[in-house]
Amino acid sequence: MPFNRPIPDRDPPKQSSGGFQALVQAEKLTQIAVLLPSAAFIGWLLGAWLDSKLHTGWISLAGIVFGGVSGLVYVIRLAITTMNESGNGTGTGKGSPDIKP
């Protein structure tokens, strides 16, 4: 009976350093949790400063909305890249599925 070698994987498994990798993951998740409220707060501060300089009352609300939306966009992008790096995502992480011709 002949022995056939199995086809090797195209992408070998990544070597992780265990504890250090867990700390990097925890830092990314902490960054996600802190970023959204701080972006809205900074938007509110800038809007309140502009309100005081321009004698208006609506720019602080626009600053909160702008800060919240920009923070949310960044959090979503960070979550997607974190998910793709940890191997929990689908596809190759390059925007298209891995299709072989």
Protein backbone atom coordinates (compact mmCIF):
# COMPACT_ATOMS: atom_id res chain seq x y z
CA MET A 1 0.00 0.00 0.00
CA PRO A 2 1.63 3.31 -1.07
CA PHE A 3 1.88 6.24 1.31
CA ASN A 4 0.70 9.63 0.02
CA ARG A 5 1.81 12.70 1.86
CA PRO A 6 -1.01 15.07 2.81
CA ILE A 7 -1.23 18.40 1.03
CA PRO A 8 0.38 21.04 3.27
CA ASP A 9 -1.57 24.11 4.36
CA ARG A 10 -0.93 27.26 2.38
CA ASP A 11 -0.79 29.35 5.53
CA PRO A 12 0.97 27.62 8.42
CA PRO A 13 -0.50 28.33 11.87
CA LYS A 14 0.88 31.42 13.57
CA GLN A 15 3.21 30.97 16.51
CA SER A 16 1.80 32.96 19.42
CA SER A 17 3.63 33.82 22.59
CA GLY A 18 0.65 33.00 24.83
CA GLY A 19 0.63 35.57 27.62
CA PHE A 20 1.89 38.46 25.55
CA GLN A 21 -0.72 37.83 22.86
CA ALA A 22 -3.44 37.82 25.54
CA LEU A 23 -2.22 41.21 26.82
CA VAL A 24 -2.30 42.66 23.31
CA GLN A 25 -5.88 41.38 22.84
CA ALA A 26 -6.92 42.87 26.21
CA GLU A 27 -5.40 46.22 25.28
CA LYS A 28 -7.34 46.31 22.01
CA LEU A 29 -10.61 45.50 23.76
CA THR A 30 -9.93 48.18 26.39
CA GLN A 31 -9.23 50.66 23.62
CA ILE A 32 -12.59 49.83 22.04
CA ALA A 33 -14.39 50.38 25.36
CA VAL A 34 -12.74 53.75 26.09
CA LEU A 35 -12.65 55.24 22.62
CA LEU A 36 -16.34 55.83 21.90
CA PRO A 37 -17.21 57.83 25.04
CA SER A 38 -13.98 59.83 24.84
CA ALA A 39 -14.63 60.74 21.19
CA ALA A 40 -18.12 62.02 22.06
CA PHE A 41 -16.71 63.95 25.04
CA ILE A 42 -13.99 65.59 22.96
CA GLY A 43 -16.59 66.51 20.32
CA TRP A 44 -18.73 68.08 23.05
CA LEU A 45 -15.74 70.05 24.42
CA LEU A 46 -14.83 71.41 21.01
CA GLY A 47 -18.47 72.24 20.27
CA ALA A 48 -18.90 74.03 23.61
CA TRP A 49 -15.74 76.04 22.95
CA LEU A 50 -17.02 77.03 19.51
CA ASP A 51 -20.40 77.91 21.04
CA SER A 52 -18.72 80.30 23.45
CA LYS A 53 -16.65 81.93 20.69
CA LEU A 54 -19.46 82.19 18.11
CA HIS A 55 -22.32 82.87 20.60
CA THR A 56 -24.47 79.98 19.40
CA GLY A 57 -26.12 77.08 21.17
CA TRP A 58 -26.26 74.26 18.66
CA ILE A 59 -22.61 73.52 17.84
CA SER A 60 -22.01 71.54 21.05
CA LEU A 61 -24.81 69.14 20.07
CA ALA A 62 -23.30 68.80 16.60
CA GLY A 63 -19.92 68.15 18.22
CA ILE A 64 -21.36 65.32 20.32
CA VAL A 65 -22.96 63.74 17.25
CA PHE A 66 -19.83 64.14 15.14
CA GLY A 67 -17.60 62.76 17.90
CA GLY A 68 -19.93 59.82 18.49
CA VAL A 69 -20.15 58.92 14.81
CA SER A 70 -16.40 59.23 14.24
CA GLY A 71 -15.71 57.17 17.37
CA LEU A 72 -18.19 54.51 16.27
CA VAL A 73 -16.59 54.25 12.83
CA TYR A 74 -13.16 53.81 14.38
CA VAL A 75 -14.44 51.24 16.90
CA ILE A 76 -16.05 49.18 14.12
CA ARG A 77 -12.88 49.26 12.04
CA LEU A 78 -10.78 48.27 15.05
CA ALA A 79 -13.16 45.45 15.96
CA ILE A 80 -13.08 44.07 12.40
CA THR A 81 -9.28 44.11 12.24
CA THR A 82 -9.04 42.52 15.70
CA MET A 83 -11.48 39.80 14.67
CA ASN A 84 -9.56 39.08 11.46
CA GLU A 85 -6.20 38.96 13.26
CA SER A 86 -7.44 36.54 15.89
CA GLY A 87 -8.79 34.16 13.23
CA ASN A 88 -12.44 34.41 14.27
CA GLY A 89 -13.49 36.23 11.12
CA THR A 90 -14.50 34.79 7.81
CA GLY A 91 -12.47 35.00 4.63
CA THR A 92 -8.88 36.06 4.33
CA GLY A 93 -9.26 39.52 5.82
CA LYS A 94 -8.49 41.08 2.44
CA GLY A 95 -12.08 41.98 1.57
CA SER A 96 -12.80 38.97 -0.61
CA PRO A 97 -13.25 35.27 0.07
CA ASP A 98 -10.43 32.86 -0.62
CA ILE A 99 -11.40 31.44 -4.02
CA LYS A 100 -9.09 29.11 -5.89
CA PRO A 101 -9.31 28.97 -9.70
